[in-house]
Amino acid sequence: MRNITTTKELKDSIEELCIKEGQQWQELKLQFSTTCESLKPINLLKSALQEAQKDPDLKKQVLHTALDLGINYLIKKANAFTANFSGLDFLKNIFKKNDE
């Protein structure tokens, strides 16, 4: 910072600082907008998926977890189905239909 000795130098310095403040304010608003945009849930998800594509171990882990969830879901559905139609009841129904 230089020493200001005249009124004209003071006015020029104030004007320079006002211009600098305006530029910094615009940069701050732009950075805030960019940050808000990047923190939206959809953008967080996109960035997480992009990172996952870069990491082969994470890909394998996600695929393994998805398969586990899918298999567990199918097993639960199969158990619910067999609970409603136990093998013994199923056979009884078949023989009843054949007897009639």
PDB file of N, CA and C in Angstrom:
ATOM      1  N   MET A   1       0.852  -1.164   0.000  1.00  0.00           N
ATOM      2  CA  MET A   1       0.000   0.000   0.000  1.00  0.00           C
ATOM      3  C   MET A   1       0.899   1.229   0.000  1.00  0.00           C
ATOM      4  N   ARG A   2       0.538   2.149  -0.838  1.00  0.00           N
ATOM      5  CA  ARG A   2       1.359   3.348  -0.967  1.00  0.00           C
ATOM      6  C   ARG A   2       0.843   4.454  -0.045  1.00  0.00           C
ATOM      7  N   ASN A   3       1.682   5.409   0.218  1.00  0.00           N
ATOM      8  CA  ASN A   3       1.284   6.548   1.044  1.00  0.00           C
ATOM      9  C   ASN A   3       0.520   7.553   0.183  1.00  0.00           C
ATOM     10  N   ILE A   4      -0.588   7.996   0.690  1.00  0.00           N
ATOM     11  CA  ILE A   4      -1.431   8.970  -0.011  1.00  0.00           C
ATOM     12  C   ILE A   4      -1.143  10.340   0.588  1.00  0.00           C
ATOM     13  N   THR A   5      -0.789  11.272  -0.313  1.00  0.00           N
ATOM     14  CA  THR A   5      -0.415  12.596   0.192  1.00  0.00           C
ATOM     15  C   THR A   5      -1.349  13.699  -0.280  1.00  0.00           C
ATOM     16  N   THR A   6      -2.077  13.464  -1.385  1.00  0.00           N
ATOM     17  CA  THR A   6      -2.954  14.526  -1.896  1.00  0.00           C
ATOM     18  C   THR A   6      -4.391  14.044  -1.911  1.00  0.00           C
ATOM     19  N   THR A   7      -5.282  15.000  -2.044  1.00  0.00           N
ATOM     20  CA  THR A   7      -6.715  14.686  -2.112  1.00  0.00           C
ATOM     21  C   THR A   7      -7.021  13.905  -3.375  1.00  0.00           C
ATOM     22  N   LYS A   8      -6.379  14.252  -4.470  1.00  0.00           N
ATOM     23  CA  LYS A   8      -6.610  13.538  -5.729  1.00  0.00           C
ATOM     24  C   LYS A   8      -6.186  12.075  -5.588  1.00  0.00           C
ATOM     25  N   GLU A   9      -5.049  11.809  -4.966  1.00  0.00           N
ATOM     26  CA  GLU A   9      -4.596  10.438  -4.745  1.00  0.00           C
ATOM     27  C   GLU A   9      -5.588   9.673  -3.867  1.00  0.00           C
ATOM     28  N   LEU A  10      -6.146  10.341  -2.875  1.00  0.00           N
ATOM     29  CA  LEU A  10      -7.143   9.727  -2.005  1.00  0.00           C
ATOM     30  C   LEU A  10      -8.386   9.356  -2.789  1.00  0.00           C
ATOM     31  N   LYS A  11      -8.880  10.286  -3.625  1.00  0.00           N
ATOM     32  CA  LYS A  11     -10.072  10.011  -4.439  1.00  0.00           C
ATOM     33  C   LYS A  11      -9.797   8.865  -5.411  1.00  0.00           C
ATOM     34  N   ASP A  12      -8.626   8.867  -6.039  1.00  0.00           N
ATOM     35  CA  ASP A  12      -8.284   7.791  -6.974  1.00  0.00           C
ATOM     36  C   ASP A  12      -8.204   6.435  -6.257  1.00  0.00           C
ATOM     37  N   SER A  13      -7.605   6.463  -5.083  1.00  0.00           N
ATOM     38  CA  SER A  13      -7.475   5.232  -4.310  1.00  0.00           C
ATOM     39  C   SER A  13      -8.849   4.702  -3.886  1.00  0.00           C
ATOM     40  N   ILE A  14      -9.717   5.599  -3.471  1.00  0.00           N
ATOM     41  CA  ILE A  14     -11.086   5.203  -3.091  1.00  0.00           C
ATOM     42  C   ILE A  14     -11.811   4.628  -4.296  1.00  0.00           C
ATOM     43  N   GLU A  15     -11.653   5.261  -5.452  1.00  0.00           N
ATOM     44  CA  GLU A  15     -12.311   4.776  -6.672  1.00  0.00           C
ATOM     45  C   GLU A  15     -11.791   3.391  -7.044  1.00  0.00           C
ATOM     46  N   GLU A  16     -10.472   3.189  -6.944  1.00  0.00           N
ATOM     47  CA  GLU A  16      -9.894   1.875  -7.227  1.00  0.00           C
ATOM     48  C   GLU A  16     -10.444   0.815  -6.269  1.00  0.00           C
ATOM     49  N   LEU A  17     -10.535   1.153  -5.009  1.00  0.00           N
ATOM     50  CA  LEU A  17     -11.064   0.206  -4.024  1.00  0.00           C
ATOM     51  C   LEU A  17     -12.536  -0.114  -4.277  1.00  0.00           C
ATOM     52  N   CYS A  18     -13.299   0.893  -4.694  1.00  0.00           N
ATOM     53  CA  CYS A  18     -14.720   0.651  -5.009  1.00  0.00           C
ATOM     54  C   CYS A  18     -14.849  -0.290  -6.202  1.00  0.00           C
ATOM     55  N   ILE A  19     -14.001  -0.084  -7.221  1.00  0.00           N
ATOM     56  CA  ILE A  19     -14.029  -0.968  -8.388  1.00  0.00           C
ATOM     57  C   ILE A  19     -13.630  -2.390  -7.984  1.00  0.00           C
ATOM     58  N   LYS A  20     -12.570  -2.489  -7.188  1.00  0.00           N
ATOM     59  CA  LYS A  20     -12.104  -3.800  -6.718  1.00  0.00           C
ATOM     60  C   LYS A  20     -13.181  -4.494  -5.884  1.00  0.00           C
ATOM     61  N   GLU A  21     -13.857  -3.736  -5.021  1.00  0.00           N
ATOM     62  CA  GLU A  21     -14.933  -4.301  -4.199  1.00  0.00           C
ATOM     63  C   GLU A  21     -16.063  -4.816  -5.071  1.00  0.00           C
ATOM     64  N   GLY A  22     -16.434  -4.058  -6.106  1.00  0.00           N
ATOM     65  CA  GLY A  22     -17.495  -4.495  -7.016  1.00  0.00           C
ATOM     66  C   GLY A  22     -17.130  -5.776  -7.728  1.00  0.00           C
ATOM     67  N   GLN A  23     -15.872  -5.893  -8.182  1.00  0.00           N
ATOM     68  CA  GLN A  23     -15.419  -7.107  -8.857  1.00  0.00           C
ATOM     69  C   GLN A  23     -15.432  -8.301  -7.902  1.00  0.00           C
ATOM     70  N   GLN A  24     -14.955  -8.076  -6.695  1.00  0.00           N
ATOM     71  CA  GLN A  24     -14.937  -9.159  -5.716  1.00  0.00           C
ATOM     72  C   GLN A  24     -16.352  -9.578  -5.336  1.00  0.00           C
ATOM     73  N   TRP A  25     -17.263  -8.624  -5.271  1.00  0.00           N
ATOM     74  CA  TRP A  25     -18.654  -8.936  -4.950  1.00  0.00           C
ATOM     75  C   TRP A  25     -19.264  -9.804  -6.050  1.00  0.00           C
ATOM     76  N   GLN A  26     -18.985  -9.469  -7.306  1.00  0.00           N
ATOM     77  CA  GLN A  26     -19.505 -10.258  -8.420  1.00  0.00           C
ATOM     78  C   GLN A  26     -18.913 -11.677  -8.393  1.00  0.00           C
ATOM     79  N   GLU A  27     -17.624 -11.782  -8.106  1.00  0.00           N
ATOM     80  CA  GLU A  27     -16.994 -13.093  -7.998  1.00  0.00           C
ATOM     81  C   GLU A  27     -17.594 -13.913  -6.854  1.00  0.00           C
ATOM     82  N   LEU A  28     -17.870 -13.268  -5.754  1.00  0.00           N
ATOM     83  CA  LEU A  28     -18.459 -13.943  -4.600  1.00  0.00           C
ATOM     84  C   LEU A  28     -19.863 -14.456  -4.928  1.00  0.00           C
ATOM     85  N   LYS A  29     -20.655 -13.620  -5.609  1.00  0.00           N
ATOM     86  CA  LYS A  29     -22.009 -14.053  -5.991  1.00  0.00           C
ATOM     87  C   LYS A  29     -21.944 -15.231  -6.957  1.00  0.00           C
ATOM     88  N   LEU A  30     -21.011 -15.179  -7.903  1.00  0.00           N
ATOM     89  CA  LEU A  30     -20.858 -16.279  -8.853  1.00  0.00           C
ATOM     90  C   LEU A  30     -20.439 -17.560  -8.135  1.00  0.00           C
ATOM     91  N   GLN A  31     -19.503 -17.445  -7.214  1.00  0.00           N
ATOM     92  CA  GLN A  31     -19.049 -18.619  -6.459  1.00  0.00           C
ATOM     93  C   GLN A  31     -20.179 -19.181  -5.594  1.00  0.00           C
ATOM     94  N   PHE A  32     -20.966 -18.322  -4.989  1.00  0.00           N
ATOM     95  CA  PHE A  32     -22.097 -18.768  -4.172  1.00  0.00           C
ATOM     96  C   PHE A  32     -23.108 -19.516  -5.031  1.00  0.00           C
ATOM     97  N   SER A  33     -23.394 -18.969  -6.194  1.00  0.00           N
ATOM     98  CA  SER A  33     -24.334 -19.615  -7.109  1.00  0.00           C
ATOM     99  C   SER A  33     -23.816 -20.989  -7.541  1.00  0.00           C
ATOM    100  N   THR A  34     -22.534 -21.051  -7.865  1.00  0.00           N
ATOM    101  CA  THR A  34     -21.930 -22.321  -8.270  1.00  0.00           C
ATOM    102  C   THR A  34     -21.983 -23.338  -7.137  1.00  0.00           C
ATOM    103  N   THR A  35     -21.703 -22.897  -5.935  1.00  0.00           N
ATOM    104  CA  THR A  35     -21.730 -23.793  -4.776  1.00  0.00           C
ATOM    105  C   THR A  35     -23.149 -24.302  -4.517  1.00  0.00           C
ATOM    106  N   CYS A  36     -24.131 -23.403  -4.576  1.00  0.00           N
ATOM    107  CA  CYS A  36     -25.526 -23.827  -4.372  1.00  0.00           C
ATOM    108  C   CYS A  36     -25.940 -24.848  -5.416  1.00  0.00           C
ATOM    109  N   GLU A  37     -25.539 -24.628  -6.648  1.00  0.00           N
ATOM    110  CA  GLU A  37     -25.893 -25.548  -7.734  1.00  0.00           C
ATOM    111  C   GLU A  37     -25.250 -26.916  -7.506  1.00  0.00           C
ATOM    112  N   SER A  38     -24.008 -26.930  -7.057  1.00  0.00           N
ATOM    113  CA  SER A  38     -23.321 -28.207  -6.861  1.00  0.00           C
ATOM    114  C   SER A  38     -23.855 -28.973  -5.656  1.00  0.00           C
ATOM    115  N   LEU A  39     -24.514 -28.289  -4.720  1.00  0.00           N
ATOM    116  CA  LEU A  39     -25.036 -28.954  -3.527  1.00  0.00           C
ATOM    117  C   LEU A  39     -26.479 -29.437  -3.679  1.00  0.00           C
ATOM    118  N   LYS A  40     -27.066 -29.249  -4.857  1.00  0.00           N
ATOM    119  CA  LYS A  40     -28.410 -29.782  -5.085  1.00  0.00           C
ATOM    120  C   LYS A  40     -28.324 -31.309  -5.082  1.00  0.00           C
ATOM    121  N   PRO A  41     -29.346 -31.982  -4.547  1.00  0.00           N
ATOM    122  CA  PRO A  41     -29.283 -33.448  -4.428  1.00  0.00           C
ATOM    123  C   PRO A  41     -28.982 -34.164  -5.748  1.00  0.00           C
ATOM    124  N   ILE A  42     -29.587 -33.723  -6.838  1.00  0.00           N
ATOM    125  CA  ILE A  42     -29.364 -34.414  -8.114  1.00  0.00           C
ATOM    126  C   ILE A  42     -27.914 -34.270  -8.549  1.00  0.00           C
ATOM    127  N   ASN A  43     -27.324 -33.104  -8.297  1.00  0.00           N
ATOM    128  CA  ASN A  43     -25.926 -32.900  -8.673  1.00  0.00           C
ATOM    129  C   ASN A  43     -24.982 -33.669  -7.765  1.00  0.00           C
ATOM    130  N   LEU A  44     -25.336 -33.804  -6.494  1.00  0.00           N
ATOM    131  CA  LEU A  44     -24.543 -34.633  -5.591  1.00  0.00           C
ATOM    132  C   LEU A  44     -24.560 -36.085  -6.050  1.00  0.00           C
ATOM    133  N   LEU A  45     -25.738 -36.549  -6.466  1.00  0.00           N
ATOM    134  CA  LEU A  45     -25.870 -37.921  -6.952  1.00  0.00           C
ATOM    135  C   LEU A  45     -25.055 -38.121  -8.227  1.00  0.00           C
ATOM    136  N   LYS A  46     -25.139 -37.152  -9.144  1.00  0.00           N
ATOM    137  CA  LYS A  46     -24.373 -37.247 -10.386  1.00  0.00           C
ATOM    138  C   LYS A  46     -22.878 -37.321 -10.107  1.00  0.00           C
ATOM    139  N   SER A  47     -22.405 -36.466  -9.227  1.00  0.00           N
ATOM    140  CA  SER A  47     -20.968 -36.465  -8.943  1.00  0.00           C
ATOM    141  C   SER A  47     -20.546 -37.753  -8.247  1.00  0.00           C
ATOM    142  N   ALA A  48     -21.407 -38.285  -7.387  1.00  0.00           N
ATOM    143  CA  ALA A  48     -21.090 -39.550  -6.722  1.00  0.00           C
ATOM    144  C   ALA A  48     -21.028 -40.687  -7.738  1.00  0.00           C
ATOM    145  N   LEU A  49     -21.949 -40.693  -8.694  1.00  0.00           N
ATOM    146  CA  LEU A  49     -21.935 -41.734  -9.723  1.00  0.00           C
ATOM    147  C   LEU A  49     -20.728 -41.593 -10.632  1.00  0.00           C
ATOM    148  N   GLN A  50     -20.337 -40.374 -10.937  1.00  0.00           N
ATOM    149  CA  GLN A  50     -19.149 -40.169 -11.753  1.00  0.00           C
ATOM    150  C   GLN A  50     -17.906 -40.676 -11.026  1.00  0.00           C
ATOM    151  N   GLU A  51     -17.829 -40.423  -9.738  1.00  0.00           N
ATOM    152  CA  GLU A  51     -16.705 -40.928  -8.956  1.00  0.00           C
ATOM    153  C   GLU A  51     -16.728 -42.458  -8.903  1.00  0.00           C
ATOM    154  N   ALA A  52     -17.922 -43.021  -8.812  1.00  0.00           N
ATOM    155  CA  ALA A  52     -18.046 -44.477  -8.754  1.00  0.00           C
ATOM    156  C   ALA A  52     -17.582 -45.113 -10.056  1.00  0.00           C
ATOM    157  N   GLN A  53     -17.804 -44.441 -11.168  1.00  0.00           N
ATOM    158  CA  GLN A  53     -17.368 -44.981 -12.451  1.00  0.00           C
ATOM    159  C   GLN A  53     -15.852 -45.019 -12.559  1.00  0.00           C
ATOM    160  N   LYS A  54     -15.180 -44.145 -11.857  1.00  0.00           N
ATOM    161  CA  LYS A  54     -13.727 -44.082 -11.916  1.00  0.00           C
ATOM    162  C   LYS A  54     -13.069 -45.149 -11.037  1.00  0.00           C
ATOM    163  N   ASP A  55     -13.768 -45.631 -10.031  1.00  0.00           N
ATOM    164  CA  ASP A  55     -13.189 -46.568  -9.063  1.00  0.00           C
ATOM    165  C   ASP A  55     -13.722 -47.980  -9.313  1.00  0.00           C
ATOM    166  N   PRO A  56     -12.899 -48.886  -9.850  1.00  0.00           N
ATOM    167  CA  PRO A  56     -13.392 -50.233 -10.167  1.00  0.00           C
ATOM    168  C   PRO A  56     -13.805 -51.033  -8.933  1.00  0.00           C
ATOM    169  N   ASP A  57     -13.123 -50.833  -7.806  1.00  0.00           N
ATOM    170  CA  ASP A  57     -13.504 -51.567  -6.593  1.00  0.00           C
ATOM    171  C   ASP A  57     -14.885 -51.133  -6.113  1.00  0.00           C
ATOM    172  N   LEU A  58     -15.154 -49.849  -6.207  1.00  0.00           N
ATOM    173  CA  LEU A  58     -16.464 -49.347  -5.795  1.00  0.00           C
ATOM    174  C   LEU A  58     -17.549 -49.871  -6.720  1.00  0.00           C
ATOM    175  N   LYS A  59     -17.250 -49.968  -8.015  1.00  0.00           N
ATOM    176  CA  LYS A  59     -18.218 -50.539  -8.969  1.00  0.00           C
ATOM    177  C   LYS A  59     -18.591 -51.960  -8.554  1.00  0.00           C
ATOM    178  N   LYS A  60     -17.571 -52.754  -8.241  1.00  0.00           N
ATOM    179  CA  LYS A  60     -17.828 -54.137  -7.841  1.00  0.00           C
ATOM    180  C   LYS A  60     -18.656 -54.201  -6.567  1.00  0.00           C
ATOM    181  N   GLN A  61     -18.340 -53.328  -5.619  1.00  0.00           N
ATOM    182  CA  GLN A  61     -19.051 -53.331  -4.352  1.00  0.00           C
ATOM    183  C   GLN A  61     -20.516 -52.928  -4.545  1.00  0.00           C
ATOM    184  N   VAL A  62     -20.758 -51.919  -5.376  1.00  0.00           N
ATOM    185  CA  VAL A  62     -22.136 -51.478  -5.637  1.00  0.00           C
ATOM    186  C   VAL A  62     -22.907 -52.576  -6.353  1.00  0.00           C
ATOM    187  N   LEU A  63     -22.285 -53.209  -7.330  1.00  0.00           N
ATOM    188  CA  LEU A  63     -22.943 -54.294  -8.053  1.00  0.00           C
ATOM    189  C   LEU A  63     -23.250 -55.453  -7.112  1.00  0.00           C
ATOM    190  N   HIS A  64     -22.306 -55.795  -6.269  1.00  0.00           N
ATOM    191  CA  HIS A  64     -22.507 -56.887  -5.310  1.00  0.00           C
ATOM    192  C   HIS A  64     -23.657 -56.560  -4.355  1.00  0.00           C
ATOM    193  N   THR A  65     -23.691 -55.337  -3.859  1.00  0.00           N
ATOM    194  CA  THR A  65     -24.761 -54.924  -2.949  1.00  0.00           C
ATOM    195  C   THR A  65     -26.112 -54.952  -3.652  1.00  0.00           C
ATOM    196  N   ALA A  66     -26.154 -54.463  -4.892  1.00  0.00           N
ATOM    197  CA  ALA A  66     -27.411 -54.469  -5.648  1.00  0.00           C
ATOM    198  C   ALA A  66     -27.891 -55.899  -5.877  1.00  0.00           C
ATOM    199  N   LEU A  67     -26.977 -56.788  -6.208  1.00  0.00           N
ATOM    200  CA  LEU A  67     -27.361 -58.193  -6.402  1.00  0.00           C
ATOM    201  C   LEU A  67     -27.863 -58.812  -5.100  1.00  0.00           C
ATOM    202  N   ASP A  68     -27.188 -58.524  -4.005  1.00  0.00           N
ATOM    203  CA  ASP A  68     -27.639 -59.031  -2.705  1.00  0.00           C
ATOM    204  C   ASP A  68     -29.052 -58.549  -2.377  1.00  0.00           C
ATOM    205  N   LEU A  69     -29.288 -57.257  -2.603  1.00  0.00           N
ATOM    206  CA  LEU A  69     -30.623 -56.721  -2.329  1.00  0.00           C
ATOM    207  C   LEU A  69     -31.670 -57.368  -3.222  1.00  0.00           C
ATOM    208  N   GLY A  70     -31.345 -57.538  -4.493  1.00  0.00           N
ATOM    209  CA  GLY A  70     -32.283 -58.169  -5.425  1.00  0.00           C
ATOM    210  C   GLY A  70     -32.584 -59.605  -5.052  1.00  0.00           C
ATOM    211  N   ILE A  71     -31.557 -60.350  -4.703  1.00  0.00           N
ATOM    212  CA  ILE A  71     -31.749 -61.749  -4.316  1.00  0.00           C
ATOM    213  C   ILE A  71     -32.562 -61.845  -3.028  1.00  0.00           C
ATOM    214  N   ASN A  72     -32.246 -61.010  -2.057  1.00  0.00           N
ATOM    215  CA  ASN A  72     -33.023 -61.017  -0.808  1.00  0.00           C
ATOM    216  C   ASN A  72     -34.482 -60.675  -1.057  1.00  0.00           C
ATOM    217  N   TYR A  73     -34.740 -59.728  -1.950  1.00  0.00           N
ATOM    218  CA  TYR A  73     -36.110 -59.368  -2.288  1.00  0.00           C
ATOM    219  C   TYR A  73     -36.837 -60.562  -2.902  1.00  0.00           C
ATOM    220  N   LEU A  74     -36.178 -61.227  -3.838  1.00  0.00           N
ATOM    221  CA  LEU A  74     -36.803 -62.384  -4.479  1.00  0.00           C
ATOM    222  C   LEU A  74     -37.051 -63.516  -3.486  1.00  0.00           C
ATOM    223  N   ILE A  75     -36.129 -63.728  -2.575  1.00  0.00           N
ATOM    224  CA  ILE A  75     -36.303 -64.778  -1.557  1.00  0.00           C
ATOM    225  C   ILE A  75     -37.494 -64.454  -0.665  1.00  0.00           C
ATOM    226  N   LYS A  76     -37.625 -63.197  -0.261  1.00  0.00           N
ATOM    227  CA  LYS A  76     -38.766 -62.814   0.581  1.00  0.00           C
ATOM    228  C   LYS A  76     -40.078 -63.005  -0.163  1.00  0.00           C
ATOM    229  N   LYS A  77     -40.098 -62.643  -1.450  1.00  0.00           N
ATOM    230  CA  LYS A  77     -41.323 -62.835  -2.239  1.00  0.00           C
ATOM    231  C   LYS A  77     -41.638 -64.324  -2.385  1.00  0.00           C
ATOM    232  N   ALA A  78     -40.604 -65.119  -2.597  1.00  0.00           N
ATOM    233  CA  ALA A  78     -40.813 -66.563  -2.729  1.00  0.00           C
ATOM    234  C   ALA A  78     -41.317 -67.152  -1.420  1.00  0.00           C
ATOM    235  N   ASN A  79     -40.774 -66.693  -0.298  1.00  0.00           N
ATOM    236  CA  ASN A  79     -41.236 -67.180   1.009  1.00  0.00           C
ATOM    237  C   ASN A  79     -42.677 -66.774   1.263  1.00  0.00           C
ATOM    238  N   ALA A  80     -43.031 -65.565   0.876  1.00  0.00           N
ATOM    239  CA  ALA A  80     -44.415 -65.124   1.057  1.00  0.00           C
ATOM    240  C   ALA A  80     -45.348 -65.950   0.180  1.00  0.00           C
ATOM    241  N   PHE A  81     -44.903 -66.257  -1.019  1.00  0.00           N
ATOM    242  CA  PHE A  81     -45.719 -67.067  -1.925  1.00  0.00           C
ATOM    243  C   PHE A  81     -45.894 -68.474  -1.382  1.00  0.00           C
ATOM    244  N   THR A  82     -44.814 -69.064  -0.906  1.00  0.00           N
ATOM    245  CA  THR A  82     -44.915 -70.431  -0.394  1.00  0.00           C
ATOM    246  C   THR A  82     -45.666 -70.482   0.926  1.00  0.00           C
ATOM    247  N   ALA A  83     -45.654 -69.401   1.685  1.00  0.00           N
ATOM    248  CA  ALA A  83     -46.423 -69.382   2.931  1.00  0.00           C
ATOM    249  C   ALA A  83     -47.914 -69.411   2.613  1.00  0.00           C
ATOM    250  N   ASN A  84     -48.314 -68.735   1.542  1.00  0.00           N
ATOM    251  CA  ASN A  84     -49.723 -68.735   1.150  1.00  0.00           C
ATOM    252  C   ASN A  84     -50.127 -70.065   0.527  1.00  0.00           C
ATOM    253  N   PHE A  85     -49.223 -70.687  -0.169  1.00  0.00           N
ATOM    254  CA  PHE A  85     -49.508 -71.954  -0.846  1.00  0.00           C
ATOM    255  C   PHE A  85     -48.480 -72.985  -0.407  1.00  0.00           C
ATOM    256  N   SER A  86     -48.675 -73.541   0.749  1.00  0.00           N
ATOM    257  CA  SER A  86     -47.729 -74.553   1.207  1.00  0.00           C
ATOM    258  C   SER A  86     -47.849 -75.769   0.301  1.00  0.00           C
ATOM    259  N   GLY A  87     -46.801 -76.528   0.241  1.00  0.00           N
ATOM    260  CA  GLY A  87     -46.763 -77.688  -0.653  1.00  0.00           C
ATOM    261  C   GLY A  87     -47.873 -78.682  -0.366  1.00  0.00           C
ATOM    262  N   LEU A  88     -48.166 -78.883   0.890  1.00  0.00           N
ATOM    263  CA  LEU A  88     -49.201 -79.835   1.258  1.00  0.00           C
ATOM    264  C   LEU A  88     -50.574 -79.367   0.796  1.00  0.00           C
ATOM    265  N   ASP A  89     -50.868 -78.102   1.026  1.00  0.00           N
ATOM    266  CA  ASP A  89     -52.156 -77.562   0.578  1.00  0.00           C
ATOM    267  C   ASP A  89     -52.251 -77.595  -0.938  1.00  0.00           C
ATOM    268  N   PHE A  90     -51.153 -77.338  -1.599  1.00  0.00           N
ATOM    269  CA  PHE A  90     -51.143 -77.353  -3.051  1.00  0.00           C
ATOM    270  C   PHE A  90     -51.492 -78.750  -3.568  1.00  0.00           C
ATOM    271  N   LEU A  91     -50.869 -79.769  -2.968  1.00  0.00           N
ATOM    272  CA  LEU A  91     -51.158 -81.142  -3.392  1.00  0.00           C
ATOM    273  C   LEU A  91     -52.602 -81.526  -3.080  1.00  0.00           C
ATOM    274  N   LYS A  92     -53.118 -81.136  -1.925  1.00  0.00           N
ATOM    275  CA  LYS A  92     -54.513 -81.423  -1.578  1.00  0.00           C
ATOM    276  C   LYS A  92     -55.450 -80.819  -2.611  1.00  0.00           C
ATOM    277  N   ASN A  93     -55.174 -79.589  -2.998  1.00  0.00           N
ATOM    278  CA  ASN A  93     -56.019 -78.929  -3.991  1.00  0.00           C
ATOM    279  C   ASN A  93     -55.960 -79.644  -5.327  1.00  0.00           C
ATOM    280  N   ILE A  94     -54.806 -80.131  -5.710  1.00  0.00           N
ATOM    281  CA  ILE A  94     -54.688 -80.845  -6.984  1.00  0.00           C
ATOM    282  C   ILE A  94     -55.501 -82.134  -6.938  1.00  0.00           C
ATOM    283  N   PHE A  95     -55.381 -82.887  -5.840  1.00  0.00           N
ATOM    284  CA  PHE A  95     -56.111 -84.144  -5.738  1.00  0.00           C
ATOM    285  C   PHE A  95     -57.621 -83.935  -5.618  1.00  0.00           C
ATOM    286  N   LYS A  96     -58.038 -82.854  -4.953  1.00  0.00           N
ATOM    287  CA  LYS A  96     -59.456 -82.551  -4.860  1.00  0.00           C
ATOM    288  C   LYS A  96     -60.034 -82.267  -6.230  1.00  0.00           C
ATOM    289  N   LYS A  97     -59.280 -81.551  -7.025  1.00  0.00           N
ATOM    290  CA  LYS A  97     -59.752 -81.236  -8.384  1.00  0.00           C
ATOM    291  C   LYS A  97     -59.821 -82.502  -9.232  1.00  0.00           C
ATOM    292  N   ASN A  98     -58.892 -83.410  -9.035  1.00  0.00           N
ATOM    293  CA  ASN A  98     -58.918 -84.662  -9.799  1.00  0.00           C
ATOM    294  C   ASN A  98     -60.051 -85.562  -9.355  1.00  0.00           C
ATOM    295  N   ASP A  99     -60.433 -85.535  -8.069  1.00  0.00           N
ATOM    296  CA  ASP A  99     -61.499 -86.375  -7.561  1.00  0.00           C
ATOM    297  C   ASP A  99     -62.855 -85.895  -8.069  1.00  0.00           C
ATOM    298  N   GLU A 100     -62.987 -84.620  -8.283  1.00  0.00           N
ATOM    299  CA  GLU A 100     -64.295 -84.071  -8.683  1.00  0.00           C
ATOM    300  C   GLU A 100     -64.560 -84.331 -10.090  1.00  0.00           C
TER     301      GLU A 100
END
